[in-house]
Amino acid sequence: MITVIAKLKVKAGNESTFRQAADKMIAHVKTNEPGTRTYILHRSTSDPTEFVFYEVYADQAAFAAHGGSEPMQQFFGAVGGLLEGRPEIAMYEELGGKK
């Protein structure tokens, strides 16, 4: 399993436009990416312009399929101008816990 934490900071006033693009991406993942086990968008409770995607992929191939998909390219095309800086993306391997 591969876990990805993607932190995105949106320019103030663009939160709802970002959410629309994110919701479209989430719908695509739910319908078309069986190797994406978890794909959840979170918003900071202290900063409404800070968003985090928590993503879990079955394997490297599932992660590559997600990252290389046309909807992902469209998502970043739609939100690129809405962001303050580049997304912070960190990858982790699962070691244990409770699900």
N, C-alpha and C. Protein backbone atom coordinates (compact mmCIF):
# COMPACT_ATOMS: atom_id res chain seq x y z
N MET A 1 0.84 -1.18 0.00
CA MET A 1 0.00 0.00 0.00
C MET A 1 0.89 1.25 0.00
N ILE A 2 0.45 2.24 -0.72
CA ILE A 2 1.13 3.53 -0.78
C ILE A 2 0.15 4.59 -0.29
N THR A 3 0.60 5.40 0.66
CA THR A 3 -0.22 6.49 1.18
C THR A 3 0.39 7.81 0.72
N VAL A 4 -0.47 8.70 0.28
CA VAL A 4 -0.04 10.03 -0.16
C VAL A 4 -0.81 11.07 0.64
N ILE A 5 -0.08 12.06 1.13
CA ILE A 5 -0.68 13.22 1.77
C ILE A 5 -0.34 14.41 0.88
N ALA A 6 -1.36 15.03 0.31
CA ALA A 6 -1.17 16.16 -0.59
C ALA A 6 -1.81 17.41 0.03
N LYS A 7 -0.98 18.36 0.41
CA LYS A 7 -1.45 19.59 1.05
C LYS A 7 -1.47 20.71 0.01
N LEU A 8 -2.63 21.37 -0.11
CA LEU A 8 -2.79 22.45 -1.08
C LEU A 8 -3.32 23.69 -0.37
N LYS A 9 -2.68 24.80 -0.60
CA LYS A 9 -3.10 26.08 -0.03
C LYS A 9 -3.73 26.89 -1.15
N VAL A 10 -4.98 27.28 -0.95
CA VAL A 10 -5.76 27.99 -1.97
C VAL A 10 -5.75 29.48 -1.64
N LYS A 11 -5.64 30.30 -2.65
CA LYS A 11 -5.73 31.75 -2.45
C LYS A 11 -7.11 32.09 -1.89
N ALA A 12 -7.14 32.96 -0.89
CA ALA A 12 -8.39 33.36 -0.25
C ALA A 12 -9.40 33.82 -1.29
N GLY A 13 -10.63 33.38 -1.13
CA GLY A 13 -11.71 33.73 -2.05
C GLY A 13 -11.93 32.70 -3.14
N ASN A 14 -11.04 31.72 -3.26
CA ASN A 14 -11.13 30.70 -4.30
C ASN A 14 -11.52 29.33 -3.77
N GLU A 15 -11.92 29.27 -2.51
CA GLU A 15 -12.20 27.99 -1.88
C GLU A 15 -13.33 27.23 -2.58
N SER A 16 -14.39 27.91 -2.93
CA SER A 16 -15.51 27.19 -3.54
C SER A 16 -15.19 26.72 -4.95
N THR A 17 -14.42 27.47 -5.71
CA THR A 17 -14.00 27.03 -7.04
C THR A 17 -13.09 25.81 -6.92
N PHE A 18 -12.20 25.84 -5.95
CA PHE A 18 -11.34 24.69 -5.70
C PHE A 18 -12.18 23.47 -5.35
N ARG A 19 -13.14 23.63 -4.46
CA ARG A 19 -14.00 22.51 -4.05
C ARG A 19 -14.74 21.90 -5.23
N GLN A 20 -15.22 22.73 -6.14
CA GLN A 20 -15.93 22.20 -7.31
C GLN A 20 -15.01 21.30 -8.14
N ALA A 21 -13.78 21.76 -8.36
CA ALA A 21 -12.82 20.96 -9.13
C ALA A 21 -12.45 19.69 -8.37
N ALA A 22 -12.27 19.82 -7.05
CA ALA A 22 -11.91 18.66 -6.23
C ALA A 22 -13.05 17.64 -6.21
N ASP A 23 -14.28 18.12 -6.08
CA ASP A 23 -15.43 17.20 -6.07
C ASP A 23 -15.54 16.43 -7.39
N LYS A 24 -15.23 17.09 -8.49
CA LYS A 24 -15.25 16.42 -9.80
C LYS A 24 -14.16 15.33 -9.84
N MET A 25 -13.00 15.64 -9.29
CA MET A 25 -11.91 14.66 -9.26
C MET A 25 -12.28 13.48 -8.37
N ILE A 26 -12.88 13.77 -7.22
CA ILE A 26 -13.30 12.71 -6.30
C ILE A 26 -14.31 11.79 -6.98
N ALA A 27 -15.26 12.35 -7.69
CA ALA A 27 -16.27 11.55 -8.40
C ALA A 27 -15.59 10.64 -9.42
N HIS A 28 -14.60 11.16 -10.14
CA HIS A 28 -13.87 10.33 -11.10
C HIS A 28 -13.18 9.16 -10.40
N VAL A 29 -12.50 9.46 -9.30
CA VAL A 29 -11.76 8.41 -8.57
C VAL A 29 -12.72 7.33 -8.09
N LYS A 30 -13.86 7.73 -7.53
CA LYS A 30 -14.83 6.76 -7.02
C LYS A 30 -15.31 5.81 -8.11
N THR A 31 -15.50 6.33 -9.30
CA THR A 31 -16.08 5.55 -10.39
C THR A 31 -15.06 4.78 -11.22
N ASN A 32 -13.84 5.31 -11.34
CA ASN A 32 -12.91 4.78 -12.33
C ASN A 32 -11.58 4.24 -11.82
N GLU A 33 -11.31 4.32 -10.53
CA GLU A 33 -10.00 3.92 -10.04
C GLU A 33 -10.10 2.86 -8.94
N PRO A 34 -10.27 1.60 -9.33
CA PRO A 34 -10.40 0.54 -8.31
C PRO A 34 -9.14 0.36 -7.46
N GLY A 35 -7.99 0.74 -7.97
CA GLY A 35 -6.74 0.62 -7.21
C GLY A 35 -6.53 1.74 -6.21
N THR A 36 -7.39 2.75 -6.28
CA THR A 36 -7.34 3.83 -5.28
C THR A 36 -8.26 3.40 -4.15
N ARG A 37 -7.67 3.01 -3.02
CA ARG A 37 -8.43 2.46 -1.91
C ARG A 37 -9.11 3.56 -1.08
N THR A 38 -8.42 4.68 -0.93
CA THR A 38 -8.95 5.79 -0.14
C THR A 38 -8.56 7.09 -0.84
N TYR A 39 -9.50 8.01 -0.92
CA TYR A 39 -9.24 9.31 -1.56
C TYR A 39 -10.18 10.31 -0.90
N ILE A 40 -9.68 10.97 0.14
CA ILE A 40 -10.54 11.83 0.96
C ILE A 40 -9.95 13.23 1.04
N LEU A 41 -10.79 14.22 0.80
CA LEU A 41 -10.40 15.62 0.91
C LEU A 41 -10.75 16.12 2.30
N HIS A 42 -9.81 16.83 2.91
CA HIS A 42 -10.02 17.45 4.23
C HIS A 42 -9.73 18.94 4.11
N ARG A 43 -10.37 19.73 4.99
CA ARG A 43 -10.07 21.16 5.08
C ARG A 43 -9.64 21.44 6.51
N SER A 44 -8.67 22.31 6.67
CA SER A 44 -8.18 22.68 7.99
C SER A 44 -9.30 23.33 8.80
N THR A 45 -9.34 23.02 10.08
CA THR A 45 -10.33 23.64 10.97
C THR A 45 -9.88 25.04 11.40
N SER A 46 -8.62 25.37 11.19
CA SER A 46 -8.13 26.69 11.59
C SER A 46 -7.85 27.61 10.41
N ASP A 47 -7.79 27.06 9.20
CA ASP A 47 -7.49 27.86 8.00
C ASP A 47 -8.33 27.33 6.84
N PRO A 48 -9.42 28.01 6.49
CA PRO A 48 -10.32 27.50 5.44
C PRO A 48 -9.71 27.48 4.03
N THR A 49 -8.49 27.99 3.88
CA THR A 49 -7.84 27.95 2.57
C THR A 49 -6.85 26.80 2.45
N GLU A 50 -6.73 25.99 3.50
CA GLU A 50 -5.79 24.87 3.49
C GLU A 50 -6.54 23.55 3.38
N PHE A 51 -6.19 22.78 2.35
CA PHE A 51 -6.83 21.50 2.07
C PHE A 51 -5.78 20.39 2.05
N VAL A 52 -6.21 19.19 2.41
CA VAL A 52 -5.34 18.02 2.37
C VAL A 52 -6.12 16.86 1.76
N PHE A 53 -5.50 16.22 0.77
CA PHE A 53 -6.01 14.95 0.27
C PHE A 53 -5.27 13.84 0.98
N TYR A 54 -6.02 12.88 1.53
CA TYR A 54 -5.46 11.66 2.11
C TYR A 54 -5.79 10.55 1.13
N GLU A 55 -4.75 9.94 0.57
CA GLU A 55 -4.92 8.98 -0.52
C GLU A 55 -4.18 7.68 -0.19
N VAL A 56 -4.83 6.55 -0.46
CA VAL A 56 -4.19 5.25 -0.29
C VAL A 56 -4.37 4.46 -1.58
N TYR A 57 -3.26 3.95 -2.09
CA TYR A 57 -3.27 3.19 -3.34
C TYR A 57 -2.84 1.75 -3.09
N ALA A 58 -3.42 0.83 -3.82
CA ALA A 58 -3.11 -0.59 -3.67
C ALA A 58 -1.63 -0.87 -3.94
N ASP A 59 -1.06 -0.15 -4.91
CA ASP A 59 0.33 -0.38 -5.29
C ASP A 59 0.81 0.79 -6.15
N GLN A 60 2.06 0.70 -6.58
CA GLN A 60 2.66 1.75 -7.39
C GLN A 60 1.92 1.94 -8.71
N ALA A 61 1.46 0.85 -9.29
CA ALA A 61 0.74 0.94 -10.57
C ALA A 61 -0.56 1.74 -10.41
N ALA A 62 -1.27 1.53 -9.30
CA ALA A 62 -2.51 2.29 -9.06
C ALA A 62 -2.21 3.76 -8.87
N PHE A 63 -1.12 4.06 -8.15
CA PHE A 63 -0.71 5.46 -7.96
C PHE A 63 -0.35 6.10 -9.29
N ALA A 64 0.40 5.39 -10.12
CA ALA A 64 0.79 5.90 -11.44
C ALA A 64 -0.42 6.13 -12.32
N ALA A 65 -1.40 5.21 -12.28
CA ALA A 65 -2.61 5.37 -13.09
C ALA A 65 -3.37 6.61 -12.67
N HIS A 66 -3.45 6.85 -11.38
CA HIS A 66 -4.14 8.04 -10.87
C HIS A 66 -3.41 9.32 -11.33
N GLY A 67 -2.12 9.35 -11.07
CA GLY A 67 -1.34 10.56 -11.39
C GLY A 67 -1.28 10.86 -12.87
N GLY A 68 -1.34 9.84 -13.70
CA GLY A 68 -1.25 10.04 -15.14
C GLY A 68 -2.58 10.16 -15.85
N SER A 69 -3.66 10.15 -15.09
CA SER A 69 -4.99 10.17 -15.72
C SER A 69 -5.32 11.55 -16.29
N GLU A 70 -6.12 11.54 -17.32
CA GLU A 70 -6.58 12.80 -17.93
C GLU A 70 -7.35 13.66 -16.92
N PRO A 71 -8.25 13.08 -16.11
CA PRO A 71 -8.94 13.90 -15.11
C PRO A 71 -7.98 14.57 -14.12
N MET A 72 -6.88 13.92 -13.77
CA MET A 72 -5.90 14.54 -12.87
C MET A 72 -5.24 15.73 -13.55
N GLN A 73 -4.93 15.59 -14.82
CA GLN A 73 -4.34 16.70 -15.56
C GLN A 73 -5.34 17.86 -15.64
N GLN A 74 -6.60 17.53 -15.87
CA GLN A 74 -7.64 18.57 -15.91
C GLN A 74 -7.81 19.24 -14.56
N PHE A 75 -7.73 18.46 -13.47
CA PHE A 75 -7.84 19.02 -12.14
C PHE A 75 -6.75 20.05 -11.89
N PHE A 76 -5.51 19.69 -12.16
CA PHE A 76 -4.42 20.64 -11.92
C PHE A 76 -4.48 21.82 -12.88
N GLY A 77 -5.01 21.60 -14.08
CA GLY A 77 -5.22 22.73 -14.99
C GLY A 77 -6.25 23.70 -14.44
N ALA A 78 -7.28 23.16 -13.80
CA ALA A 78 -8.36 23.99 -13.26
C ALA A 78 -7.95 24.71 -11.98
N VAL A 79 -7.12 24.08 -11.14
CA VAL A 79 -6.81 24.69 -9.84
C VAL A 79 -5.43 25.35 -9.78
N GLY A 80 -4.62 25.16 -10.79
CA GLY A 80 -3.26 25.70 -10.76
C GLY A 80 -3.20 27.18 -10.41
N GLY A 81 -4.06 27.97 -11.00
CA GLY A 81 -4.08 29.40 -10.75
C GLY A 81 -4.73 29.79 -9.44
N LEU A 82 -5.37 28.83 -8.78
CA LEU A 82 -6.04 29.10 -7.51
C LEU A 82 -5.14 28.89 -6.31
N LEU A 83 -3.99 28.26 -6.53
CA LEU A 83 -3.13 27.85 -5.42
C LEU A 83 -2.09 28.91 -5.08
N GLU A 84 -1.77 28.96 -3.78
CA GLU A 84 -0.63 29.75 -3.31
C GLU A 84 0.56 28.82 -3.26
N GLY A 85 1.36 28.83 -4.28
CA GLY A 85 2.52 27.95 -4.32
C GLY A 85 2.18 26.56 -4.82
N ARG A 86 3.17 25.72 -4.77
CA ARG A 86 3.02 24.34 -5.25
C ARG A 86 2.42 23.46 -4.16
N PRO A 87 1.69 22.42 -4.55
CA PRO A 87 1.21 21.48 -3.54
C PRO A 87 2.39 20.80 -2.84
N GLU A 88 2.21 20.50 -1.56
CA GLU A 88 3.20 19.72 -0.82
C GLU A 88 2.72 18.27 -0.84
N ILE A 89 3.51 17.40 -1.45
CA ILE A 89 3.11 16.01 -1.59
C ILE A 89 4.14 15.12 -0.89
N ALA A 90 3.66 14.28 0.01
CA ALA A 90 4.53 13.34 0.72
C ALA A 90 3.97 11.94 0.54
N MET A 91 4.88 10.98 0.36
CA MET A 91 4.48 9.59 0.16
C MET A 91 4.98 8.75 1.33
N TYR A 92 4.14 7.78 1.72
CA TYR A 92 4.45 6.91 2.86
C TYR A 92 4.11 5.47 2.51
N GLU A 93 4.75 4.55 3.21
CA GLU A 93 4.38 3.15 3.10
C GLU A 93 3.70 2.75 4.40
N GLU A 94 2.67 1.94 4.28
CA GLU A 94 1.90 1.51 5.45
C GLU A 94 2.69 0.47 6.23
N LEU A 95 2.73 0.66 7.55
CA LEU A 95 3.44 -0.29 8.41
C LEU A 95 2.51 -1.05 9.35
N GLY A 96 1.38 -0.46 9.75
CA GLY A 96 0.47 -1.15 10.63
C GLY A 96 -0.52 -0.19 11.24
N GLY A 97 -1.53 -0.72 11.90
CA GLY A 97 -2.54 0.11 12.55
C GLY A 97 -3.90 -0.54 12.53
N LYS A 98 -4.92 0.26 12.65
CA LYS A 98 -6.31 -0.20 12.67
C LYS A 98 -7.08 0.45 11.54
N LYS A 99 -7.90 -0.34 10.87
CA LYS A 99 -8.74 0.19 9.79
C LYS A 99 -10.18 -0.08 10.11
